Amino acid sequence: MKKGDKITLKIEKLVYEGAGLGKIGGFPVFVENTCPEDVVEAEITAFNKNFARAKLIEIKEPSPRRVKPFCPIHNACGGCGWQFIDYDFQLEQKRNIVEETVKKLTGRDIEVKPVIKSPQTREFRSKVQYPVAQTKVSKRLLAGYYKKGTHELINVKFCPIQPKIIGKIVNFTKEAAQELGITGYNEKTHKGELRHIVVRYSAAKNECLVIFAVNDRKLSEKFKKLAEKLTREFAHIKGVCINYNTAKTNVILSNDTRCICGNKFYFEKIGEIEYKISANSFFQINTGTAKNIFDTVKDIIEKNYPQSAVLDAYSGVSSFGVYLKDSAAEIVSVEECKSASEDALENAKLNNAKNMKILNGDAKKIFENLINEGKTFDITLLDPPRKGCEKESLDFAAALTKKAIIYVSCNPATLARDIKYLEEKGFRAKYIQPFDMFCHSYHIESLCLLEKR
């Protein structure tokens, strides 16, 4: 087998990052845009001693699990790649991905429960971050998602996984910005003004916060006028902000966000809890699934560890901490992002959570300080970014925790790695509960309960 060879194979399963896996004489071949039980013709594009990659040429026998994508630009856009697969079957594949990843990296058969569905599979996405570009000849502004595996921008006019109001705001912004002479960013030349359009949406309030990420260090009159046009056109918009980002990186928002008009924050409500969320603060993009996760954590604590002392780490706006205010005796929330910690303080007051303490700073350093103070907790809740936790952070978390660690992760590989390390530190993974946060994509959110032995 070599690059350029054409092969016919049957797809057996989906793998993390979305490709289908088939085998030729037992040799693994990964083919994008395929579904288990498809029989396909494909062309080898990359080959090494362990596996090959191939591009799909033709589906010779379609899988009975295939369905018609509900988005007209699904094949071009890299936003969500599994729309052609039956939703329930997507969840089965996600569960299998978590189970196989964890077993491979830990060497253990840890129970992985069936994936808890998203309450909504369309219009669920409460935050979009669209890169902006500009055509060479007509100078038309484009905003959307990159085609998978490329930096070719697909101009998105309608996206069925986000609320309709977001699409209306983005389309209006493109047209109004073009009329005002605002230029789109060119990542190769590092020229152009508007880098990203970010829209954050509150499902509970039906309100939006709009952020312009700009390749500049000061506010121009053009963006003031653009903000005025937007707020006149849409009553949903409660604030327009500008984020100054002149760095030659793929970081979307710098820490320098200023308010042009209205507020620099918005409010969301999950269950009975209201959250203030600032422009730069993290919050889950699927609030229906977020509620499922919050309720699961609350249920674990109330049934097994009632009125515990809880350490809520990588806490953001203290989304978990405030939700647990009536289930725990004491909650200490730890967050590095300053705006999120400020929001957390407001959220504790907003929800009358008098048993909460908010600490701003690097988790590892704060954990060490808590140990030096002789502090311990019954439960530690870890919800780190995709890269997972540093070993030192896990060392400290293990030392601080008397009963159990609840680990929430959006990356099965780093979750498995950290489970293995925590098990070496005296904990035992009881089970993993996956949730569908990112519908119609390979991404999967998981919760692992690790009890102290």
Protein backbone atom coordinates (compact mmCIF):
# COMPACT_ATOMS: atom_id res chain seq x y z
CA MET A 1 0.00 0.00 0.00
CA LYS A 2 1.32 3.44 -0.92
CA LYS A 3 0.18 7.04 -1.40
CA GLY A 4 -2.18 7.35 -4.36
CA ASP A 5 -3.45 3.77 -4.18
CA LYS A 6 -7.20 3.31 -4.48
CA ILE A 7 -8.77 0.85 -2.06
CA THR A 8 -12.22 -0.49 -1.18
CA LEU A 9 -12.98 -1.12 2.49
CA LYS A 10 -15.79 -1.34 5.05
CA ILE A 11 -15.87 1.23 7.85
CA GLU A 12 -15.99 -0.37 11.30
CA LYS A 13 -16.26 2.54 13.71
CA LEU A 14 -15.65 6.27 14.27
CA VAL A 15 -12.62 7.55 16.16
CA TYR A 16 -11.81 10.71 18.12
CA GLU A 17 -11.39 13.65 15.74
CA GLY A 18 -14.16 12.23 13.59
CA ALA A 19 -12.75 9.91 10.93
CA GLY A 20 -14.08 6.45 10.12
CA LEU A 21 -11.79 3.47 10.67
CA GLY A 22 -11.61 0.52 8.29
CA LYS A 23 -8.96 -2.15 7.75
CA ILE A 24 -7.19 -3.69 4.78
CA GLY A 25 -5.70 -7.04 5.78
CA GLY A 26 -5.85 -5.91 9.40
CA PHE A 27 -4.01 -2.63 8.61
CA PRO A 28 -5.89 0.48 9.90
CA VAL A 29 -7.03 3.10 7.40
CA PHE A 30 -8.76 6.33 8.49
CA VAL A 31 -11.26 7.87 6.06
CA GLU A 32 -12.99 11.21 6.68
CA ASN A 33 -16.74 11.73 6.10
CA THR A 34 -17.62 8.07 6.54
CA CYS A 35 -20.03 6.17 8.75
CA PRO A 36 -19.73 2.70 10.32
CA GLU A 37 -21.07 0.03 7.90
CA ASP A 38 -20.28 2.19 4.85
CA VAL A 39 -18.47 0.33 2.06
CA VAL A 40 -16.31 2.95 0.38
CA GLU A 41 -13.71 3.52 -2.29
CA ALA A 42 -10.91 5.76 -1.04
CA GLU A 43 -7.49 7.04 -2.11
CA ILE A 44 -4.49 6.77 0.23
CA THR A 45 -3.19 10.28 1.10
CA ALA A 46 -0.71 9.43 3.86
CA PHE A 47 0.97 6.21 4.93
CA ASN A 48 3.26 5.05 7.74
CA LYS A 49 4.09 1.76 9.43
CA ASN A 50 1.15 1.96 11.86
CA PHE A 51 -1.77 3.33 9.82
CA ALA A 52 -2.85 5.11 6.64
CA ARG A 53 -5.14 8.05 5.89
CA ALA A 54 -7.36 8.16 2.83
CA LYS A 55 -9.82 10.55 1.21
CA LEU A 56 -13.29 9.36 0.28
CA ILE A 57 -13.90 8.88 -3.44
CA GLU A 58 -17.24 7.07 -3.50
CA ILE A 59 -19.70 5.43 -1.11
CA LYS A 60 -20.37 2.07 -2.77
CA GLU A 61 -22.79 0.78 -0.12
CA PRO A 62 -24.17 3.40 2.32
CA SER A 63 -24.58 2.54 5.99
CA PRO A 64 -28.17 2.21 7.25
CA ARG A 65 -27.09 4.73 9.92
CA ARG A 66 -26.70 7.50 7.34
CA VAL A 67 -29.22 10.35 7.29
CA LYS A 68 -29.58 13.51 5.23
CA PRO A 69 -27.66 16.46 6.79
CA PHE A 70 -30.02 19.26 7.86
CA CYS A 71 -27.51 22.00 7.01
CA PRO A 72 -27.14 22.94 3.31
CA ILE A 73 -23.39 23.67 3.66
CA HIS A 74 -22.57 20.69 5.87
CA ASN A 75 -20.13 19.19 3.33
CA ALA A 76 -18.15 22.43 3.03
CA CYS A 77 -18.23 23.83 6.57
CA GLY A 78 -15.97 22.48 9.30
CA GLY A 79 -18.29 23.51 12.12
CA CYS A 80 -19.86 20.10 12.82
CA GLY A 81 -18.99 17.01 10.82
CA TRP A 82 -21.39 14.24 11.86
CA GLN A 83 -24.75 15.52 10.64
CA PHE A 84 -24.94 12.68 8.11
CA ILE A 85 -25.09 10.15 10.98
CA ASP A 86 -28.24 9.23 12.92
CA TYR A 87 -28.16 11.14 16.24
CA ASP A 88 -28.62 8.13 18.54
CA PHE A 89 -25.85 6.33 16.66
CA GLN A 90 -23.58 9.37 17.10
CA LEU A 91 -24.03 8.96 20.86
CA GLU A 92 -23.14 5.26 20.68
CA GLN A 93 -19.96 6.12 18.81
CA LYS A 94 -19.06 8.81 21.35
CA ARG A 95 -19.50 6.39 24.22
CA ASN A 96 -17.28 3.86 22.42
CA ILE A 97 -14.61 6.54 21.82
CA VAL A 98 -14.50 7.41 25.54
CA GLU A 99 -14.45 3.74 26.58
CA GLU A 100 -11.67 2.73 24.15
CA THR A 101 -9.55 5.82 24.87
CA VAL A 102 -9.75 5.30 28.63
CA LYS A 103 -8.97 1.57 28.39
CA LYS A 104 -6.02 2.19 26.05
CA LEU A 105 -4.43 4.82 28.30
CA THR A 106 -5.29 3.43 31.74
CA GLY A 107 -5.23 -0.30 31.00
CA ARG A 108 -8.49 -0.64 32.94
CA ASP A 109 -12.08 -1.44 32.07
CA ILE A 110 -13.79 1.54 33.72
CA GLU A 111 -17.57 1.63 33.36
CA VAL A 112 -18.67 4.19 30.76
CA LYS A 113 -22.38 4.90 30.98
CA PRO A 114 -24.57 5.70 27.95
CA VAL A 115 -24.22 9.30 26.77
CA ILE A 116 -26.83 11.70 28.16
CA LYS A 117 -28.46 13.41 25.17
CA SER A 118 -28.50 17.14 24.57
CA PRO A 119 -32.00 18.55 25.24
CA GLN A 120 -31.66 20.40 21.92
CA THR A 121 -29.74 19.20 18.89
CA ARG A 122 -30.39 22.37 16.88
CA GLU A 123 -30.06 26.02 17.92
CA PHE A 124 -28.19 24.90 21.05
CA ARG A 125 -24.95 26.83 20.56
CA SER A 126 -24.91 29.96 22.74
CA LYS A 127 -21.55 31.32 21.58
CA VAL A 128 -20.02 31.75 18.13
CA GLN A 129 -16.58 33.07 17.22
CA TYR A 130 -16.42 33.73 13.49
CA PRO A 131 -13.11 34.64 11.83
CA VAL A 132 -13.49 37.45 9.30
CA ALA A 133 -11.85 37.78 5.88
CA GLN A 134 -12.34 39.90 2.76
CA THR A 135 -12.53 39.02 -0.93
CA LYS A 136 -9.77 40.47 -3.10
CA VAL A 137 -11.87 41.96 -5.90
CA SER A 138 -15.29 42.91 -4.52
CA LYS A 139 -13.91 43.57 -0.99
CA ARG A 140 -16.92 41.71 0.41
CA LEU A 141 -16.59 40.76 4.09
CA LEU A 142 -16.86 37.05 4.89
CA ALA A 143 -17.40 35.44 8.29
CA GLY A 144 -17.92 31.81 9.17
CA TYR A 145 -16.05 28.58 9.89
CA TYR A 146 -12.94 27.18 8.27
CA LYS A 147 -13.27 24.21 5.97
CA LYS A 148 -12.03 21.19 7.92
CA GLY A 149 -8.26 20.87 7.92
CA THR A 150 -7.74 24.17 6.06
CA HIS A 151 -7.73 27.91 6.54
CA GLU A 152 -10.23 28.34 3.72
CA LEU A 153 -13.06 30.41 5.19
CA ILE A 154 -16.62 29.28 4.46
CA ASN A 155 -18.98 32.25 4.56
CA VAL A 156 -21.87 31.22 6.83
CA LYS A 157 -25.20 32.98 6.30
CA PHE A 158 -27.34 30.49 8.18
CA CYS A 159 -26.27 27.93 10.80
CA PRO A 160 -28.95 25.60 12.22
CA ILE A 161 -27.01 24.74 15.40
CA GLN A 162 -27.08 28.35 16.64
CA PRO A 163 -30.11 30.52 17.53
CA LYS A 164 -31.46 32.34 14.46
CA ILE A 165 -30.84 35.75 16.04
CA ILE A 166 -27.07 35.12 16.01
CA GLY A 167 -27.10 34.58 12.24
CA LYS A 168 -29.14 37.76 11.74
CA ILE A 169 -26.70 39.78 13.87
CA VAL A 170 -23.61 38.40 12.07
CA ASN A 171 -25.08 39.00 8.59
CA PHE A 172 -26.09 42.56 9.50
CA THR A 173 -22.62 43.18 11.00
CA LYS A 174 -20.87 42.07 7.79
CA GLU A 175 -23.00 44.35 5.61
CA ALA A 176 -22.84 47.36 7.94
CA ALA A 177 -19.08 46.99 8.46
CA GLN A 178 -18.52 46.88 4.72
CA GLU A 179 -20.62 50.03 4.24
CA LEU A 180 -18.49 51.77 6.89
CA GLY A 181 -15.26 50.81 5.10
CA ILE A 182 -14.10 48.37 7.80
CA THR A 183 -11.57 45.94 6.34
CA GLY A 184 -11.39 42.20 7.01
CA TYR A 185 -8.29 40.66 8.53
CA ASN A 186 -5.69 38.84 6.42
CA GLU A 187 -3.78 36.35 8.58
CA LYS A 188 -0.94 36.06 6.04
CA THR A 189 -0.17 39.79 5.79
CA HIS A 190 -1.44 40.65 9.31
CA LYS A 191 -3.37 43.56 7.78
CA GLY A 192 -7.05 44.46 8.03
CA GLU A 193 -9.12 45.67 10.96
CA LEU A 194 -11.81 43.13 11.91
CA ARG A 195 -10.40 39.74 12.97
CA HIS A 196 -13.40 38.03 14.59
CA ILE A 197 -17.08 38.60 15.28
CA VAL A 198 -18.02 37.00 18.61
CA VAL A 199 -21.66 36.72 19.69
CA ARG A 200 -22.73 35.36 23.08
CA TYR A 201 -26.38 34.49 23.59
CA SER A 202 -28.51 34.03 26.69
CA ALA A 203 -31.17 31.36 26.15
CA ALA A 204 -32.98 32.38 29.34
CA LYS A 205 -33.10 36.11 28.54
CA ASN A 206 -33.06 35.96 24.71
CA GLU A 207 -30.32 38.60 24.77
CA CYS A 208 -26.90 38.95 23.13
CA LEU A 209 -23.49 40.40 23.77
CA VAL A 210 -21.41 41.24 20.67
CA ILE A 211 -17.61 41.52 20.66
CA PHE A 212 -15.43 42.75 17.77
CA ALA A 213 -11.88 41.39 17.89
CA VAL A 214 -9.80 44.00 16.06
CA ASN A 215 -6.25 44.28 14.78
CA ASP A 216 -5.76 47.66 16.45
CA ARG A 217 -4.87 49.33 19.77
CA LYS A 218 -7.48 52.08 19.78
CA LEU A 219 -11.17 52.50 19.04
CA SER A 220 -11.94 54.00 15.63
CA GLU A 221 -15.06 56.01 14.80
CA LYS A 222 -16.04 53.28 12.35
CA PHE A 223 -16.53 50.73 15.12
CA LYS A 224 -18.45 53.25 17.24
CA LYS A 225 -20.83 53.74 14.31
CA LEU A 226 -21.06 49.98 13.74
CA ALA A 227 -22.03 49.46 17.39
CA GLU A 228 -24.68 52.18 17.13
CA LYS A 229 -26.14 50.59 13.97
CA LEU A 230 -26.31 47.18 15.66
CA THR A 231 -28.03 48.37 18.82
CA ARG A 232 -30.56 50.36 16.79
CA GLU A 233 -31.35 47.33 14.63
CA PHE A 234 -31.52 44.65 17.36
CA ALA A 235 -33.24 45.09 20.71
CA HIS A 236 -31.70 41.72 21.68
CA ILE A 237 -28.23 43.27 21.88
CA LYS A 238 -27.54 44.45 25.43
CA GLY A 239 -23.90 45.35 24.88
CA VAL A 240 -21.24 45.79 22.20
CA CYS A 241 -17.55 45.44 23.10
CA ILE A 242 -14.25 45.77 21.31
CA ASN A 243 -11.28 43.50 21.93
CA TYR A 244 -7.85 44.77 20.94
CA ASN A 245 -5.75 41.91 19.58
CA THR A 246 -2.69 42.73 17.47
CA ALA A 247 -0.80 39.51 18.24
CA LYS A 248 0.24 37.24 15.36
CA THR A 249 -1.38 34.18 16.92
CA ASN A 250 -4.59 32.17 16.59
CA VAL A 251 -5.80 33.42 20.00
CA ILE A 252 -9.23 34.92 19.34
CA LEU A 253 -9.60 37.33 22.26
CA SER A 254 -6.84 39.12 24.17
CA ASN A 255 -7.39 40.21 27.78
CA ASP A 256 -8.05 43.80 26.62
CA THR A 257 -11.81 44.10 26.12
CA ARG A 258 -13.58 47.47 26.38
CA CYS A 259 -17.26 48.34 26.23
CA ILE A 260 -18.40 50.53 23.30
CA CYS A 261 -22.04 50.75 24.36
CA GLY A 262 -24.42 49.00 26.73
CA ASN A 263 -22.94 46.35 29.03
CA LYS A 264 -19.74 44.32 28.98
CA PHE A 265 -21.64 41.32 30.31
CA TYR A 266 -24.89 39.38 29.96
CA PHE A 267 -27.01 37.16 32.21
CA GLU A 268 -27.88 33.48 31.82
CA LYS A 269 -30.09 31.30 34.01
CA ILE A 270 -29.77 27.56 34.58
CA GLY A 271 -32.39 26.03 36.83
CA GLU A 272 -32.93 28.54 39.64
CA ILE A 273 -29.41 29.97 39.40
CA GLU A 274 -28.65 33.22 37.58
CA TYR A 275 -25.19 33.89 36.20
CA LYS A 276 -23.48 37.13 35.21
CA ILE A 277 -21.02 36.38 32.39
CA SER A 278 -18.51 38.93 31.07
CA ALA A 279 -17.17 39.10 27.52
CA ASN A 280 -13.92 37.26 28.35
CA SER A 281 -15.36 34.76 30.84
CA PHE A 282 -15.85 31.10 29.96
CA PHE A 283 -19.30 29.55 30.09
CA GLN A 284 -20.62 26.30 28.61
CA ILE A 285 -21.90 26.74 25.04
CA ASN A 286 -24.83 24.33 25.42
CA THR A 287 -26.85 25.45 28.43
CA GLY A 288 -29.24 22.48 28.26
CA THR A 289 -26.37 20.00 28.55
CA ALA A 290 -24.68 22.23 31.13
CA LYS A 291 -27.78 21.83 33.31
CA ASN A 292 -27.59 18.05 32.89
CA ILE A 293 -23.96 18.09 34.09
CA PHE A 294 -24.67 20.47 36.99
CA ASP A 295 -27.62 18.31 38.09
CA THR A 296 -25.48 15.15 37.92
CA VAL A 297 -22.74 16.69 40.08
CA LYS A 298 -25.36 17.97 42.53
CA ASP A 299 -26.97 14.53 42.71
CA ILE A 300 -23.62 12.80 43.35
CA ILE A 301 -22.84 15.15 46.23
CA GLU A 302 -26.32 15.12 47.80
CA LYS A 303 -26.66 11.31 47.69
CA ASN A 304 -23.10 10.31 48.59
CA TYR A 305 -21.37 13.25 50.30
CA PRO A 306 -24.07 15.54 51.74
CA GLN A 307 -23.05 18.92 53.18
CA SER A 308 -19.41 18.48 52.17
CA ALA A 309 -16.62 21.01 51.89
CA VAL A 310 -16.12 21.41 48.13
CA LEU A 311 -13.09 22.73 46.22
CA ASP A 312 -14.32 23.98 42.82
CA ALA A 313 -11.23 24.31 40.61
CA TYR A 314 -10.92 25.88 37.14
CA SER A 315 -14.29 27.30 38.13
CA GLY A 316 -14.87 30.05 35.56
CA VAL A 317 -17.75 32.23 36.77
CA SER A 318 -18.28 29.59 39.49
CA SER A 319 -20.94 27.88 37.41
CA PHE A 320 -20.67 24.67 39.45
CA GLY A 321 -19.96 26.36 42.78
CA VAL A 322 -23.02 28.58 42.84
CA TYR A 323 -25.21 25.72 41.60
CA LEU A 324 -24.08 23.65 44.60
CA LYS A 325 -24.68 26.39 47.20
CA ASP A 326 -27.50 24.48 48.93
CA SER A 327 -25.86 21.06 48.59
CA ALA A 328 -22.49 21.81 50.20
CA ALA A 329 -21.46 23.16 53.59
CA GLU A 330 -18.62 25.21 52.12
CA ILE A 331 -17.40 25.97 48.59
CA VAL A 332 -14.04 27.45 47.57
CA SER A 333 -13.89 28.39 43.87
CA VAL A 334 -10.51 28.80 42.16
CA GLU A 335 -10.13 30.55 38.79
CA GLU A 336 -7.19 32.13 36.94
CA CYS A 337 -9.14 34.49 34.63
CA LYS A 338 -9.67 37.77 36.45
CA SER A 339 -12.95 38.71 34.74
CA ALA A 340 -14.40 35.26 35.51
CA SER A 341 -13.42 35.56 39.19
CA GLU A 342 -15.06 38.98 39.34
CA ASP A 343 -18.19 37.46 37.80
CA ALA A 344 -18.04 34.62 40.35
CA LEU A 345 -18.08 37.13 43.22
CA GLU A 346 -21.12 38.80 41.66
CA ASN A 347 -22.81 35.42 41.11
CA ALA A 348 -22.33 34.43 44.74
CA LYS A 349 -24.06 37.68 45.80
CA LEU A 350 -26.71 37.41 43.09
CA ASN A 351 -27.74 33.96 44.32
CA ASN A 352 -27.25 34.62 48.04
CA ALA A 353 -24.50 31.98 48.25
CA LYS A 354 -23.05 32.95 51.62
CA ASN A 355 -21.02 29.73 51.99
CA MET A 356 -18.71 30.57 49.05
CA LYS A 357 -15.18 31.90 48.83
CA ILE A 358 -13.70 33.01 45.48
CA LEU A 359 -9.93 32.82 44.89
CA ASN A 360 -8.32 34.31 41.78
CA GLY A 361 -5.03 32.91 40.52
CA ASP A 362 -3.20 29.91 39.10
CA ALA A 363 -4.81 26.70 40.40
CA LYS A 364 -1.48 25.02 41.14
CA LYS A 365 -0.25 27.92 43.30
CA ILE A 366 -3.56 28.29 45.13
CA PHE A 367 -3.71 24.52 45.80
CA GLU A 368 -0.21 24.74 47.31
CA ASN A 369 -1.24 27.69 49.50
CA LEU A 370 -4.31 25.80 50.72
CA ILE A 371 -2.12 22.83 51.67
CA ASN A 372 0.28 25.12 53.54
CA GLU A 373 -2.72 26.50 55.44
CA GLY A 374 -3.66 22.95 56.47
CA LYS A 375 -6.88 23.09 54.49
CA THR A 376 -8.67 19.94 53.21
CA PHE A 377 -11.91 19.30 51.32
CA ASP A 378 -14.31 16.37 51.16
CA ILE A 379 -14.82 16.81 47.41
CA THR A 380 -12.65 18.39 44.72
CA LEU A 381 -14.32 19.31 41.44
CA LEU A 382 -11.89 19.64 38.52
CA ASP A 383 -13.06 21.17 35.22
CA PRO A 384 -9.82 22.03 33.40
CA PRO A 385 -9.32 23.15 29.77
CA ARG A 386 -8.75 20.63 26.96
CA LYS A 387 -5.09 20.10 27.89
CA GLY A 388 -6.14 18.69 31.27
CA CYS A 389 -4.30 19.26 34.56
CA GLU A 390 -0.59 19.59 35.25
CA LYS A 391 0.87 16.78 37.34
CA GLU A 392 1.68 19.16 40.20
CA SER A 393 -1.92 20.36 40.24
CA LEU A 394 -3.11 16.75 40.48
CA ASP A 395 -0.59 16.08 43.27
CA PHE A 396 -1.97 18.99 45.26
CA ALA A 397 -5.62 18.14 44.45
CA ALA A 398 -5.07 14.57 45.67
CA ALA A 399 -3.49 15.83 48.88
CA LEU A 400 -6.35 18.28 49.50
CA THR A 401 -9.16 15.75 48.95
CA LYS A 402 -10.51 13.41 51.66
CA LYS A 403 -13.35 11.58 49.87
CA ALA A 404 -13.69 12.00 46.10
CA ILE A 405 -12.66 13.91 42.99
CA ILE A 406 -15.25 14.73 40.34
CA TYR A 407 -13.39 15.37 37.09
CA VAL A 408 -15.23 17.04 34.17
CA SER A 409 -13.44 16.95 30.82
CA CYS A 410 -13.97 17.80 27.15
CA ASN A 411 -11.06 15.63 25.99
CA PRO A 412 -11.12 11.82 26.49
CA ALA A 413 -7.34 11.50 26.04
CA THR A 414 -6.34 14.00 28.75
CA LEU A 415 -9.14 12.69 30.98
CA ALA A 416 -7.74 9.15 30.68
CA ARG A 417 -4.18 10.36 31.30
CA ASP A 418 -5.24 12.22 34.45
CA ILE A 419 -7.41 9.32 35.70
CA LYS A 420 -4.37 7.05 35.49
CA TYR A 421 -2.25 9.54 37.44
CA LEU A 422 -4.90 10.08 40.14
CA GLU A 423 -5.27 6.33 40.54
CA GLU A 424 -1.56 6.18 41.26
CA LYS A 425 -2.19 8.82 43.94
CA GLY A 426 -4.70 6.70 45.85
CA PHE A 427 -7.98 7.27 44.00
CA ARG A 428 -10.10 4.78 42.06
CA ALA A 429 -12.30 5.69 39.09
CA LYS A 430 -15.81 4.42 39.82
CA TYR A 431 -17.45 5.29 36.48
CA ILE A 432 -17.54 7.80 33.62
CA GLN A 433 -20.71 9.59 32.53
CA PRO A 434 -20.49 11.22 29.06
CA PHE A 435 -22.75 14.11 27.98
CA ASP A 436 -23.46 15.44 24.49
CA MET A 437 -22.35 19.07 24.72
CA PHE A 438 -21.28 19.48 21.08
CA CYS A 439 -23.98 17.82 18.96
CA HIS A 440 -23.12 16.49 15.48
CA SER A 441 -19.36 16.63 16.14
CA TYR A 442 -16.81 14.19 17.54
CA HIS A 443 -16.37 16.31 20.69
CA ILE A 444 -17.62 14.76 23.91
CA GLU A 445 -17.92 16.02 27.49
CA SER A 446 -17.37 13.45 30.26
CA LEU A 447 -17.62 13.30 34.05
CA CYS A 448 -15.54 10.82 36.05
CA LEU A 449 -16.15 10.04 39.72
CA LEU A 450 -12.93 9.02 41.49
CA GLU A 451 -13.22 7.87 45.09
CA LYS A 452 -10.35 7.90 47.57
CA ARG A 453 -9.27 4.38 48.50
